C-alpha atoms as a PDB file:
ATOM      1  CA  UNK A   1      40.706  18.385  23.851  1.00  0.00           C
ATOM      2  CA  UNK A   2      43.603  20.286  22.624  1.00  0.00           C
ATOM      3  CA  UNK A   3      45.196  23.059  24.794  1.00  0.00           C
ATOM      4  CA  UNK A   4      44.798  26.765  24.079  1.00  0.00           C
ATOM      5  CA  UNK A   5      45.460  30.168  25.540  1.00  0.00           C
ATOM      6  CA  UNK A   6      42.642  32.467  26.515  1.00  0.00           C
ATOM      7  CA  UNK A   7      42.976  36.161  26.454  1.00  0.00           C
ATOM      8  CA  UNK A   8      40.368  39.003  26.933  1.00  0.00           C
ATOM      9  CA  UNK A   9      41.099  42.018  24.647  1.00  0.00           C
ATOM     10  CA  UNK A  10      39.614  45.298  25.752  1.00  0.00           C
ATOM     11  CA  UNK A  11      38.905  46.960  22.451  1.00  0.00           C
ATOM     12  CA  UNK A  12      37.984  45.938  18.764  1.00  0.00           C
ATOM     13  CA  UNK A  13      41.527  47.077  17.836  1.00  0.00           C
ATOM     14  CA  UNK A  14      43.029  44.638  20.381  1.00  0.00           C
ATOM     15  CA  UNK A  15      41.213  41.849  18.840  1.00  0.00           C
ATOM     16  CA  UNK A  16      42.015  42.553  15.375  1.00  0.00           C
ATOM     17  CA  UNK A  17      45.855  42.883  16.242  1.00  0.00           C
ATOM     18  CA  UNK A  18      45.707  39.561  18.228  1.00  0.00           C
ATOM     19  CA  UNK A  19      43.993  37.780  15.365  1.00  0.00           C
ATOM     20  CA  UNK A  20      46.707  39.150  12.858  1.00  0.00           C
ATOM     21  CA  UNK A  21      49.435  37.998  15.243  1.00  0.00           C
ATOM     22  CA  UNK A  22      48.318  34.535  16.079  1.00  0.00           C
ATOM     23  CA  UNK A  23      47.629  32.695  12.890  1.00  0.00           C
ATOM     24  CA  UNK A  24      45.535  29.774  14.596  1.00  0.00           C
ATOM     25  CA  UNK A  25      43.157  32.052  16.631  1.00  0.00           C
ATOM     26  CA  UNK A  26      39.609  32.328  17.097  1.00  0.00           C
ATOM     27  CA  UNK A  27      37.151  34.949  18.835  1.00  0.00           C
ATOM     28  CA  UNK A  28      34.622  33.508  21.324  1.00  0.00           C
ATOM     29  CA  UNK A  29      31.198  35.031  22.411  1.00  0.00           C
ATOM     30  CA  UNK A  30      28.994  32.730  24.389  1.00  0.00           C
ATOM     31  CA  UNK A  31      31.103  29.497  23.276  1.00  0.00           C
ATOM     32  CA  UNK A  32      28.080  27.182  23.160  1.00  0.00           C
ATOM     33  CA  UNK A  33      29.164  26.157  19.682  1.00  0.00           C
ATOM     34  CA  UNK A  34      32.843  26.771  19.599  1.00  0.00           C
ATOM     35  CA  UNK A  35      33.573  25.042  22.761  1.00  0.00           C
ATOM     36  CA  UNK A  36      31.997  22.034  21.616  1.00  0.00           C
ATOM     37  CA  UNK A  37      34.014  21.878  18.521  1.00  0.00           C
ATOM     38  CA  UNK A  38      37.206  22.220  20.348  1.00  0.00           C
ATOM     39  CA  UNK A  39      36.122  19.409  22.840  1.00  0.00           C
ATOM     40  CA  UNK A  40      35.392  16.993  19.877  1.00  0.00           C
ATOM     41  CA  UNK A  41      38.429  18.075  17.860  1.00  0.00           C
ATOM     42  CA  UNK A  42      36.658  19.556  14.915  1.00  0.00           C
ATOM     43  CA  UNK A  43      38.793  22.730  15.390  1.00  0.00           C
ATOM     44  CA  UNK A  44      41.986  23.401  17.263  1.00  0.00           C
ATOM     45  CA  UNK A  45      42.732  27.015  17.758  1.00  0.00           C
ATOM     46  CA  UNK A  46      45.883  27.930  19.790  1.00  0.00           C
ATOM     47  CA  UNK A  47      44.333  31.119  20.999  1.00  0.00           C
ATOM     48  CA  UNK A  48      40.908  32.124  22.076  1.00  0.00           C
ATOM     49  CA  UNK A  49      40.046  35.706  22.123  1.00  0.00           C
ATOM     50  CA  UNK A  50      37.124  36.524  24.462  1.00  0.00           C
ATOM     51  CA  UNK A  51      34.927  39.619  23.681  1.00  0.00           C
ATOM     52  CA  UNK A  52      33.240  40.081  26.946  1.00  0.00           C
ATOM     53  CA  UNK A  53      35.261  43.064  28.124  1.00  0.00           C
ATOM     54  CA  UNK A  54      34.172  45.101  24.980  1.00  0.00           C
ATOM     55  CA  UNK A  55      31.093  47.006  26.272  1.00  0.00           C
ATOM     56  CA  UNK A  56      30.164  48.562  22.854  1.00  0.00           C
ATOM     57  CA  UNK A  57      29.690  45.064  21.504  1.00  0.00           C
ATOM     58  CA  UNK A  58      27.070  44.384  24.172  1.00  0.00           C
ATOM     59  CA  UNK A  59      24.525  47.118  23.510  1.00  0.00           C
ATOM     60  CA  UNK A  60      21.333  47.703  21.305  1.00  0.00           C
ATOM     61  CA  UNK A  61      21.009  51.249  20.290  1.00  0.00           C
ATOM     62  CA  UNK A  62      18.322  52.709  17.944  1.00  0.00           C
ATOM     63  CA  UNK A  63      18.353  56.095  16.008  1.00  0.00           C
ATOM     64  CA  UNK A  64      15.845  57.641  13.744  1.00  0.00           C
ATOM     65  CA  UNK A  65      17.448  55.796  10.696  1.00  0.00           C
ATOM     66  CA  UNK A  66      18.787  52.431  12.133  1.00  0.00           C
ATOM     67  CA  UNK A  67      19.004  49.897  15.005  1.00  0.00           C
ATOM     68  CA  UNK A  68      22.549  48.712  15.827  1.00  0.00           C
ATOM     69  CA  UNK A  69      22.889  45.193  17.668  1.00  0.00           C
ATOM     70  CA  UNK A  70      26.259  44.592  18.889  1.00  0.00           C
ATOM     71  CA  UNK A  71      27.659  41.140  18.190  1.00  0.00           C
ATOM     72  CA  UNK A  72      27.989  40.269  21.840  1.00  0.00           C
ATOM     73  CA  UNK A  73      24.255  40.870  22.558  1.00  0.00           C
ATOM     74  CA  UNK A  74      22.623  37.882  23.845  1.00  0.00           C
ATOM     75  CA  UNK A  75      19.931  35.962  21.953  1.00  0.00           C
ATOM     76  CA  UNK A  76      17.743  36.525  24.970  1.00  0.00           C
ATOM     77  CA  UNK A  77      18.177  40.127  24.856  1.00  0.00           C
ATOM     78  CA  UNK A  78      17.547  40.329  21.007  1.00  0.00           C
ATOM     79  CA  UNK A  79      14.260  38.336  21.579  1.00  0.00           C
ATOM     80  CA  UNK A  80      13.008  40.652  24.478  1.00  0.00           C
ATOM     81  CA  UNK A  81      14.190  44.021  23.121  1.00  0.00           C
ATOM     82  CA  UNK A  82      10.985  46.228  22.748  1.00  0.00           C
ATOM     83  CA  UNK A  83      12.181  47.983  19.549  1.00  0.00           C
ATOM     84  CA  UNK A  84      12.947  44.585  17.859  1.00  0.00           C
ATOM     85  CA  UNK A  85       9.768  43.095  19.118  1.00  0.00           C
ATOM     86  CA  UNK A  86       7.865  45.993  17.665  1.00  0.00           C
ATOM     87  CA  UNK A  87       9.654  46.788  14.161  1.00  0.00           C
ATOM     88  CA  UNK A  88      11.315  43.388  13.581  1.00  0.00           C
ATOM     89  CA  UNK A  89       8.949  40.752  14.910  1.00  0.00           C
ATOM     90  CA  UNK A  90      10.455  37.950  12.800  1.00  0.00           C
ATOM     91  CA  UNK A  91      13.674  38.581  14.493  1.00  0.00           C
ATOM     92  CA  UNK A  92      12.391  38.386  18.012  1.00  0.00           C
ATOM     93  CA  UNK A  93      10.412  35.241  17.141  1.00  0.00           C
ATOM     94  CA  UNK A  94      13.515  33.498  15.659  1.00  0.00           C
ATOM     95  CA  UNK A  95      15.550  34.370  18.607  1.00  0.00           C
ATOM     96  CA  UNK A  96      12.858  33.335  21.255  1.00  0.00           C
ATOM     97  CA  UNK A  97      12.584  29.854  19.720  1.00  0.00           C
ATOM     98  CA  UNK A  98      16.354  29.268  19.440  1.00  0.00           C
ATOM     99  CA  UNK A  99      17.755  26.469  21.312  1.00  0.00           C
ATOM    100  CA  UNK A 100      17.144  26.364  25.064  1.00  0.00           C
ATOM    101  CA  UNK A 101      16.576  29.230  27.658  1.00  0.00           C
ATOM    102  CA  UNK A 102      20.114  28.442  28.881  1.00  0.00           C
ATOM    103  CA  UNK A 103      21.855  28.780  25.555  1.00  0.00           C
ATOM    104  CA  UNK A 104      19.684  31.890  24.704  1.00  0.00           C
ATOM    105  CA  UNK A 105      21.039  33.556  27.824  1.00  0.00           C
ATOM    106  CA  UNK A 106      24.725  33.146  26.942  1.00  0.00           C
ATOM    107  CA  UNK A 107      24.679  32.607  23.164  1.00  0.00           C
ATOM    108  CA  UNK A 108      25.364  35.785  21.131  1.00  0.00           C
ATOM    109  CA  UNK A 109      23.974  37.198  18.078  1.00  0.00           C
ATOM    110  CA  UNK A 110      27.649  37.244  16.316  1.00  0.00           C
ATOM    111  CA  UNK A 111      28.054  33.575  17.540  1.00  0.00           C
ATOM    112  CA  UNK A 112      24.734  32.463  16.043  1.00  0.00           C
ATOM    113  CA  UNK A 113      25.631  34.087  12.716  1.00  0.00           C
ATOM    114  CA  UNK A 114      29.040  32.257  12.542  1.00  0.00           C
ATOM    115  CA  UNK A 115      28.298  28.814  13.813  1.00  0.00           C
ATOM    116  CA  UNK A 116      29.651  26.050  11.889  1.00  0.00           C
ATOM    117  CA  UNK A 117      27.578  23.278  10.166  1.00  0.00           C
ATOM    118  CA  UNK A 118      25.705  20.635  12.052  1.00  0.00           C
ATOM    119  CA  UNK A 119      26.416  17.808   9.478  1.00  0.00           C
ATOM    120  CA  UNK A 120      27.243  14.811  11.461  1.00  0.00           C
ATOM    121  CA  UNK A 121      30.066  13.875   9.211  1.00  0.00           C
ATOM    122  CA  UNK A 122      31.706  17.280   9.420  1.00  0.00           C
ATOM    123  CA  UNK A 123      31.285  17.165  13.393  1.00  0.00           C
ATOM    124  CA  UNK A 124      32.889  13.773  13.657  1.00  0.00           C
ATOM    125  CA  UNK A 125      36.461  14.251  14.549  1.00  0.00           C
ATOM    126  CA  UNK A 126      37.401  10.888  12.740  1.00  0.00           C
ATOM    127  CA  UNK A 127      35.972  11.927   9.359  1.00  0.00           C
ATOM    128  CA  UNK A 128      38.255  13.938   7.093  1.00  0.00           C
ATOM    129  CA  UNK A 129      35.281  15.196   4.830  1.00  0.00           C
ATOM    130  CA  UNK A 130      35.512  17.824   2.071  1.00  0.00           C
ATOM    131  CA  UNK A 131      34.352  20.671   4.404  1.00  0.00           C
ATOM    132  CA  UNK A 132      37.546  19.912   6.626  1.00  0.00           C
ATOM    133  CA  UNK A 133      39.697  19.854   3.445  1.00  0.00           C
ATOM    134  CA  UNK A 134      39.493  16.140   2.905  1.00  0.00           C
ATOM    135  CA  UNK A 135      38.604  14.501  -0.569  1.00  0.00           C
ATOM    136  CA  UNK A 136      35.090  12.928  -0.068  1.00  0.00           C
ATOM    137  CA  UNK A 137      31.376  13.920   1.081  1.00  0.00           C
ATOM    138  CA  UNK A 138      30.595  11.058   3.233  1.00  0.00           C
ATOM    139  CA  UNK A 139      26.950  12.210   3.623  1.00  0.00           C
ATOM    140  CA  UNK A 140      26.400  11.344  -0.148  1.00  0.00           C
ATOM    141  CA  UNK A 141      26.635   7.504   0.721  1.00  0.00           C
ATOM    142  CA  UNK A 142      25.161   7.905   4.071  1.00  0.00           C
ATOM    143  CA  UNK A 143      22.614   9.820   6.114  1.00  0.00           C
ATOM    144  CA  UNK A 144      20.956  12.659   4.039  1.00  0.00           C
ATOM    145  CA  UNK A 145      17.920  13.293   6.087  1.00  0.00           C
ATOM    146  CA  UNK A 146      18.979  16.722   7.261  1.00  0.00           C
ATOM    147  CA  UNK A 147      20.898  17.880   4.306  1.00  0.00           C
ATOM    148  CA  UNK A 148      20.027  20.536   1.833  1.00  0.00           C
ATOM    149  CA  UNK A 149      17.363  20.255  -0.981  1.00  0.00           C
ATOM    150  CA  UNK A 150      18.606  23.170  -3.064  1.00  0.00           C
ATOM    151  CA  UNK A 151      21.969  24.853  -4.106  1.00  0.00           C
ATOM    152  CA  UNK A 152      24.113  22.109  -2.734  1.00  0.00           C
ATOM    153  CA  UNK A 153      27.393  21.508  -4.821  1.00  0.00           C
ATOM    154  CA  UNK A 154      29.832  18.857  -3.398  1.00  0.00           C
ATOM    155  CA  UNK A 155      29.067  19.708   0.106  1.00  0.00           C
ATOM    156  CA  UNK A 156      25.346  19.669   1.151  1.00  0.00           C
ATOM    157  CA  UNK A 157      25.209  21.424   4.532  1.00  0.00           C
ATOM    158  CA  UNK A 158      22.368  23.544   5.633  1.00  0.00           C
ATOM    159  CA  UNK A 159      22.928  26.793   7.188  1.00  0.00           C
ATOM    160  CA  UNK A 160      22.081  26.396  11.002  1.00  0.00           C
ATOM    161  CA  UNK A 161      21.315  29.960  12.101  1.00  0.00           C
ATOM    162  CA  UNK A 162      17.746  31.213  12.916  1.00  0.00           C
ATOM    163  CA  UNK A 163      18.719  34.769  13.122  1.00  0.00           C
ATOM    164  CA  UNK A 164      20.376  34.673   9.861  1.00  0.00           C
ATOM    165  CA  UNK A 165      17.094  33.816   8.169  1.00  0.00           C
ATOM    166  CA  UNK A 166      15.191  36.574  10.206  1.00  0.00           C
ATOM    167  CA  UNK A 167      17.881  39.180   9.551  1.00  0.00           C
ATOM    168  CA  UNK A 168      17.637  38.565   5.786  1.00  0.00           C
ATOM    169  CA  UNK A 169      14.204  39.907   5.714  1.00  0.00           C
ATOM    170  CA  UNK A 170      15.109  43.352   6.771  1.00  0.00           C
ATOM    171  CA  UNK A 171      18.010  44.453   4.674  1.00  0.00           C
ATOM    172  CA  UNK A 172      20.260  43.925   7.620  1.00  0.00           C
ATOM    173  CA  UNK A 173      24.165  44.904   7.288  1.00  0.00           C
ATOM    174  CA  UNK A 174      27.029  43.270   9.024  1.00  0.00           C
ATOM    175  CA  UNK A 175      29.703  45.311  10.320  1.00  0.00           C
ATOM    176  CA  UNK A 176      33.091  43.637  10.157  1.00  0.00           C
ATOM    177  CA  UNK A 177      36.438  44.890  11.892  1.00  0.00           C
ATOM    178  CA  UNK A 178      39.783  43.984  10.204  1.00  0.00           C
ATOM    179  CA  UNK A 179      43.300  45.580  10.265  1.00  0.00           C
ATOM    180  CA  UNK A 180      42.755  49.375  10.005  1.00  0.00           C
ATOM    181  CA  UNK A 181      39.129  49.055   8.744  1.00  0.00           C
ATOM    182  CA  UNK A 182      35.707  48.766   9.838  1.00  0.00           C
ATOM    183  CA  UNK A 183      33.184  48.156   6.997  1.00  0.00           C
ATOM    184  CA  UNK A 184      29.531  47.199   6.545  1.00  0.00           C
ATOM    185  CA  UNK A 185      28.065  44.727   4.023  1.00  0.00           C
ATOM    186  CA  UNK A 186      24.644  43.477   3.165  1.00  0.00           C
ATOM    187  CA  UNK A 187      23.794  40.288   4.818  1.00  0.00           C
ATOM    188  CA  UNK A 188      23.387  38.386   1.478  1.00  0.00           C
ATOM    189  CA  UNK A 189      27.013  39.054   0.545  1.00  0.00           C
ATOM    190  CA  UNK A 190      28.148  37.830   4.118  1.00  0.00           C
ATOM    191  CA  UNK A 191      27.575  34.107   3.785  1.00  0.00           C
ATOM    192  CA  UNK A 192      29.453  31.910   1.346  1.00  0.00           C
ATOM    193  CA  UNK A 193      28.136  28.746  -0.369  1.00  0.00           C
ATOM    194  CA  UNK A 194      30.338  25.637  -0.892  1.00  0.00           C
ATOM    195  CA  UNK A 195      30.512  26.421  -4.797  1.00  0.00           C
ATOM    196  CA  UNK A 196      32.371  29.607  -3.778  1.00  0.00           C
ATOM    197  CA  UNK A 197      34.587  28.350  -0.864  1.00  0.00           C
ATOM    198  CA  UNK A 198      33.919  24.674   0.560  1.00  0.00           C
ATOM    199  CA  UNK A 199      36.057  25.308   3.561  1.00  0.00           C
ATOM    200  CA  UNK A 200      34.172  28.429   4.871  1.00  0.00           C
ATOM    201  CA  UNK A 201      30.459  29.604   5.439  1.00  0.00           C
ATOM    202  CA  UNK A 202      31.305  33.463   5.586  1.00  0.00           C
ATOM    203  CA  UNK A 203      33.615  35.997   3.877  1.00  0.00           C
ATOM    204  CA  UNK A 204      35.348  36.430   7.097  1.00  0.00           C
ATOM    205  CA  UNK A 205      39.288  36.461   6.732  1.00  0.00           C
ATOM    206  CA  UNK A 206      41.394  35.192   9.432  1.00  0.00           C
ATOM    207  CA  UNK A 207      42.069  38.527  11.040  1.00  0.00           C
ATOM    208  CA  UNK A 208      38.319  39.738  10.728  1.00  0.00           C
ATOM    209  CA  UNK A 209      35.285  39.410  13.122  1.00  0.00           C
ATOM    210  CA  UNK A 210      31.799  40.708  13.250  1.00  0.00           C
ATOM    211  CA  UNK A 211      31.139  43.521  15.547  1.00  0.00           C
ATOM    212  CA  UNK A 212      27.617  44.553  14.953  1.00  0.00           C
ATOM    213  CA  UNK A 213      24.382  44.145  12.862  1.00  0.00           C
ATOM    214  CA  UNK A 214      22.539  47.090  11.504  1.00  0.00           C
ATOM    215  CA  UNK A 215      18.860  47.287  10.663  1.00  0.00           C
ATOM    216  CA  UNK A 216      17.384  50.181   8.878  1.00  0.00           C
ATOM    217  CA  UNK A 217      14.562  51.947  10.572  1.00  0.00           C
ATOM    218  CA  UNK A 218      10.865  51.583   9.109  1.00  0.00           C
ATOM    219  CA  UNK A 219       9.122  54.551   7.564  1.00  0.00           C
ATOM    220  CA  UNK A 220       6.401  55.741  10.231  1.00  0.00           C
ATOM    221  CA  UNK A 221       3.672  55.838   7.545  1.00  0.00           C
ATOM    222  CA  UNK A 222       4.519  52.227   6.259  1.00  0.00           C
ATOM    223  CA  UNK A 223       3.092  49.102   7.707  1.00  0.00           C
ATOM    224  CA  UNK A 224       5.448  46.451   7.976  1.00  0.00           C
ATOM    225  CA  UNK A 225       4.678  42.912   9.065  1.00  0.00           C
ATOM    226  CA  UNK A 226       6.879  39.961   9.597  1.00  0.00           C
ATOM    227  CA  UNK A 227       6.854  36.418  10.795  1.00  0.00           C
ATOM    228  CA  UNK A 228       9.153  33.539  11.546  1.00  0.00           C
ATOM    229  CA  UNK A 229       7.998  29.923  11.811  1.00  0.00           C
ATOM    230  CA  UNK A 230      10.454  26.962  12.426  1.00  0.00           C
ATOM    231  CA  UNK A 231       9.715  23.206  12.203  1.00  0.00           C
ATOM    232  CA  UNK A 232      11.805  20.752  14.265  1.00  0.00           C
ATOM    233  CA  UNK A 233      11.770  17.269  15.569  1.00  0.00           C
ATOM    234  CA  UNK A 234      11.683  18.421  19.219  1.00  0.00           C
ATOM    235  CA  UNK A 235       9.870  21.290  20.613  1.00  0.00           C
ATOM    236  CA  UNK A 236      12.701  22.974  22.330  1.00  0.00           C
ATOM    237  CA  UNK A 237      16.431  22.799  22.055  1.00  0.00           C
ATOM    238  CA  UNK A 238      16.582  21.589  18.380  1.00  0.00           C
ATOM    239  CA  UNK A 239      17.599  23.009  15.157  1.00  0.00           C
ATOM    240  CA  UNK A 240      15.299  23.749  12.175  1.00  0.00           C
ATOM    241  CA  UNK A 241      14.322  20.947   9.815  1.00  0.00           C
ATOM    242  CA  UNK A 242      12.875  23.841   7.898  1.00  0.00           C
ATOM    243  CA  UNK A 243      12.511  27.455   8.782  1.00  0.00           C
ATOM    244  CA  UNK A 244      10.787  30.474   6.999  1.00  0.00           C
ATOM    245  CA  UNK A 245      10.699  34.203   7.629  1.00  0.00           C
ATOM    246  CA  UNK A 246       8.295  36.665   5.809  1.00  0.00           C
ATOM    247  CA  UNK A 247       8.343  40.255   5.778  1.00  0.00           C
ATOM    248  CA  UNK A 248       5.368  42.446   4.046  1.00  0.00           C
ATOM    249  CA  UNK A 249       5.074  45.982   3.519  1.00  0.00           C
ATOM    250  CA  UNK A 250       1.285  46.552   2.743  1.00  0.00           C
ATOM    251  CA  UNK A 251      -0.348  49.791   1.667  1.00  0.00           C
ATOM    252  CA  UNK A 252      -4.006  50.048   0.648  1.00  0.00           C
ATOM    253  CA  UNK A 253      -4.553  46.503   0.507  1.00  0.00           C
ATOM    254  CA  UNK A 254      -1.586  45.951  -2.003  1.00  0.00           C
ATOM    255  CA  UNK A 255       1.722  44.336  -1.157  1.00  0.00           C
ATOM    256  CA  UNK A 256       4.390  47.045  -1.687  1.00  0.00           C
ATOM    257  CA  UNK A 257       7.439  45.007  -0.721  1.00  0.00           C
ATOM    258  CA  UNK A 258       8.037  41.431   0.119  1.00  0.00           C
ATOM    259  CA  UNK A 259      11.019  39.314   1.486  1.00  0.00           C
ATOM    260  CA  UNK A 260      10.826  35.623   2.013  1.00  0.00           C
ATOM    261  CA  UNK A 261      13.864  33.575   3.444  1.00  0.00           C
ATOM    262  CA  UNK A 262      14.245  29.947   4.349  1.00  0.00           C
ATOM    263  CA  UNK A 263      16.500  28.151   6.716  1.00  0.00           C
ATOM    264  CA  UNK A 264      17.315  24.343   6.638  1.00  0.00           C
ATOM    265  CA  UNK A 265      16.982  23.863   2.975  1.00  0.00           C
ATOM    266  CA  UNK A 266      20.434  25.393   1.509  1.00  0.00           C
ATOM    267  CA  UNK A 267      23.961  25.778   2.485  1.00  0.00           C
ATOM    268  CA  UNK A 268      23.308  29.693   3.168  1.00  0.00           C
ATOM    269  CA  UNK A 269      19.815  31.394   3.870  1.00  0.00           C
ATOM    270  CA  UNK A 270      17.658  30.906   0.892  1.00  0.00           C
ATOM    271  CA  UNK A 271      15.855  33.959  -0.464  1.00  0.00           C
ATOM    272  CA  UNK A 272      12.697  32.842  -2.546  1.00  0.00           C
ATOM    273  CA  UNK A 273      12.973  35.502  -5.279  1.00  0.00           C
ATOM    274  CA  UNK A 274      10.451  33.762  -7.429  1.00  0.00           C
ATOM    275  CA  UNK A 275       7.682  33.813  -4.622  1.00  0.00           C
ATOM    276  CA  UNK A 276       8.537  37.573  -3.690  1.00  0.00           C
ATOM    277  CA  UNK A 277       8.084  38.514  -7.468  1.00  0.00           C
ATOM    278  CA  UNK A 278       4.668  36.921  -7.445  1.00  0.00           C
ATOM    279  CA  UNK A 279       3.578  38.674  -4.406  1.00  0.00           C
ATOM    280  CA  UNK A 280       4.994  42.088  -4.989  1.00  0.00           C
ATOM    281  CA  UNK A 281       2.292  44.668  -6.362  1.00  0.00           C
ATOM    282  CA  UNK A 282      -0.443  42.180  -5.885  1.00  0.00           C
ATOM    283  CA  UNK A 283      -3.698  42.948  -3.977  1.00  0.00           C
ATOM    284  CA  UNK A 284      -4.103  40.981  -0.847  1.00  0.00           C
ATOM    285  CA  UNK A 285      -7.751  40.151  -1.775  1.00  0.00           C
ATOM    286  CA  UNK A 286      -6.677  38.556  -5.110  1.00  0.00           C
ATOM    287  CA  UNK A 287      -3.721  36.594  -3.698  1.00  0.00           C
ATOM    288  CA  UNK A 288      -3.729  32.823  -4.303  1.00  0.00           C
ATOM    289  CA  UNK A 289      -1.813  31.629  -1.263  1.00  0.00           C
ATOM    290  CA  UNK A 290      -1.394  28.107  -2.512  1.00  0.00           C
ATOM    291  CA  UNK A 291       0.000  29.102  -5.757  1.00  0.00           C
ATOM    292  CA  UNK A 292       2.526  31.430  -4.076  1.00  0.00           C
ATOM    293  CA  UNK A 293       3.578  28.817  -1.811  1.00  0.00           C
ATOM    294  CA  UNK A 294       4.206  26.367  -4.616  1.00  0.00           C
ATOM    295  CA  UNK A 295       6.849  28.912  -5.916  1.00  0.00           C
ATOM    296  CA  UNK A 296       8.912  28.656  -2.589  1.00  0.00           C
ATOM    297  CA  UNK A 297      11.886  26.640  -3.924  1.00  0.00           C
ATOM    298  CA  UNK A 298      12.773  27.369  -7.621  1.00  0.00           C
ATOM    299  CA  UNK A 299      14.721  24.214  -8.333  1.00  0.00           C
ATOM    300  CA  UNK A 300      14.404  21.613  -5.573  1.00  0.00           C
ATOM    301  CA  UNK A 301      16.925  18.618  -5.831  1.00  0.00           C
ATOM    302  CA  UNK A 302      16.189  16.756  -2.677  1.00  0.00           C
ATOM    303  CA  UNK A 303      17.861  13.428  -1.931  1.00  0.00           C
ATOM    304  CA  UNK A 304      15.658  10.150  -1.409  1.00  0.00           C
ATOM    305  CA  UNK A 305      15.356  10.608   2.414  1.00  0.00           C
ATOM    306  CA  UNK A 306      14.804  14.452   2.612  1.00  0.00           C
ATOM    307  CA  UNK A 307      12.209  15.033   0.048  1.00  0.00           C
ATOM    308  CA  UNK A 308       9.907  15.855   3.139  1.00  0.00           C
ATOM    309  CA  UNK A 309      11.740  19.256   3.329  1.00  0.00           C
ATOM    310  CA  UNK A 310      10.245  20.324   0.043  1.00  0.00           C
ATOM    311  CA  UNK A 311       6.674  19.597   1.309  1.00  0.00           C
ATOM    312  CA  UNK A 312       7.555  21.076   4.699  1.00  0.00           C
ATOM    313  CA  UNK A 313       8.890  24.438   3.155  1.00  0.00           C
ATOM    314  CA  UNK A 314       5.810  24.860   0.994  1.00  0.00           C
ATOM    315  CA  UNK A 315       3.397  24.256   3.932  1.00  0.00           C
ATOM    316  CA  UNK A 316       5.402  26.476   6.299  1.00  0.00           C
ATOM    317  CA  UNK A 317       5.510  29.497   4.178  1.00  0.00           C
ATOM    318  CA  UNK A 318       1.715  28.979   3.123  1.00  0.00           C
ATOM    319  CA  UNK A 319       0.927  29.148   6.869  1.00  0.00           C
ATOM    320  CA  UNK A 320       3.223  32.156   7.577  1.00  0.00           C
ATOM    321  CA  UNK A 321       1.665  34.073   4.673  1.00  0.00           C
ATOM    322  CA  UNK A 322      -1.882  33.042   5.592  1.00  0.00           C
ATOM    323  CA  UNK A 323      -1.261  34.285   9.235  1.00  0.00           C
ATOM    324  CA  UNK A 324       0.096  37.579   8.195  1.00  0.00           C
ATOM    325  CA  UNK A 325      -2.777  38.160   5.749  1.00  0.00           C
ATOM    326  CA  UNK A 326      -5.279  37.315   8.606  1.00  0.00           C
ATOM    327  CA  UNK A 327      -3.571  39.962  10.729  1.00  0.00           C
ATOM    328  CA  UNK A 328      -4.172  42.876   8.196  1.00  0.00           C
END
C-alpha cells in the first residue's frame, strides 16, 4: 500500500484549492471503494482530502421546487429519508438494496456515483489494461460474464452504481465545484463512455468534485410512480448483474411521461429510449408489456458467456412495468 497524506478541509473552496495544488490527489467520502483501490495498488494518490468537516455536504434539504442531497449524505440516509421514499421511490429502493448495512452506513451518495469499475482485470494491480493506460483489454480473451452487452468500445466495463440508475429517472442534476465556479449539469452529461475517454468514467477534471445532487419536485396534481429492481448472484452485499429503474407519470389512464434506465449492461447508465417512446401517450389498458420489454435494449451485442444479461434485462423490466401498472 502506497503512503499518502490525509487532510480534512473545512470548506468547498479549501477542497478545490487543495485539488489544484496537489496534482495527484483524491477526495474521499466513506472510502469503501477508494481505500480498497489504494490497498491493492490500482490507484496511488499522494493526498487524500476528507470531506467529513463540511456540514453542508451532509444534508438533505427540500424546497417547493427541488430536493438537494449533499454528496456526503450516507446511502442509508438517502434510503430512509421520508421525502425521497414518498416522491422518489426508485432512489430509496436502489439505496436500500445497495451493498451491506455496514457499507450503507458509511458509503456516501457522491462516492457511489464516482466509484470505479469492478472489472477484475482493471482491479488487478498486476494487469496494465486499457482502462489504466495500457494497450490491451484482457477481458476480451478472458472472463466476460460480468461485462457489458451494449455500447462497449475497446473497454467493456459496466457502470457499478445503483443510485446512478435511479437518479437518471428523475432528471437529476449533479452539482460540481471547481476553481472559482460551481455548476450544475444533467446526470446524463456527467458520465463518460470508453469511446469518449477510456481512462475516466465521469467528466470531472483533476480539480473538480461533486458537492450535491438536485432532484426536481413533482407537481402536486401529477401521479408519479417509480420502481427499482436489481438482480444479483447473492441476496446481499453484491453488485447488480442487471438492474432497472422505471418512472411513470400517469393521468386518466394514459402514460404522460416515462423514464427507463438500466444498470449492469453498459459502461454508463443505459436509458432505454426505444421502450420509452413506445410507452409515452399509450393507454395503460392497451399496453402490451411483453412487447414493450422486448424493446429494452436497442442493439445488444453480448459476449458468448453474458448473453443471459439480455434475457435478464428483458424479464426485469417486464416485472417492474407490470408491478407499477398493478399499483394503479
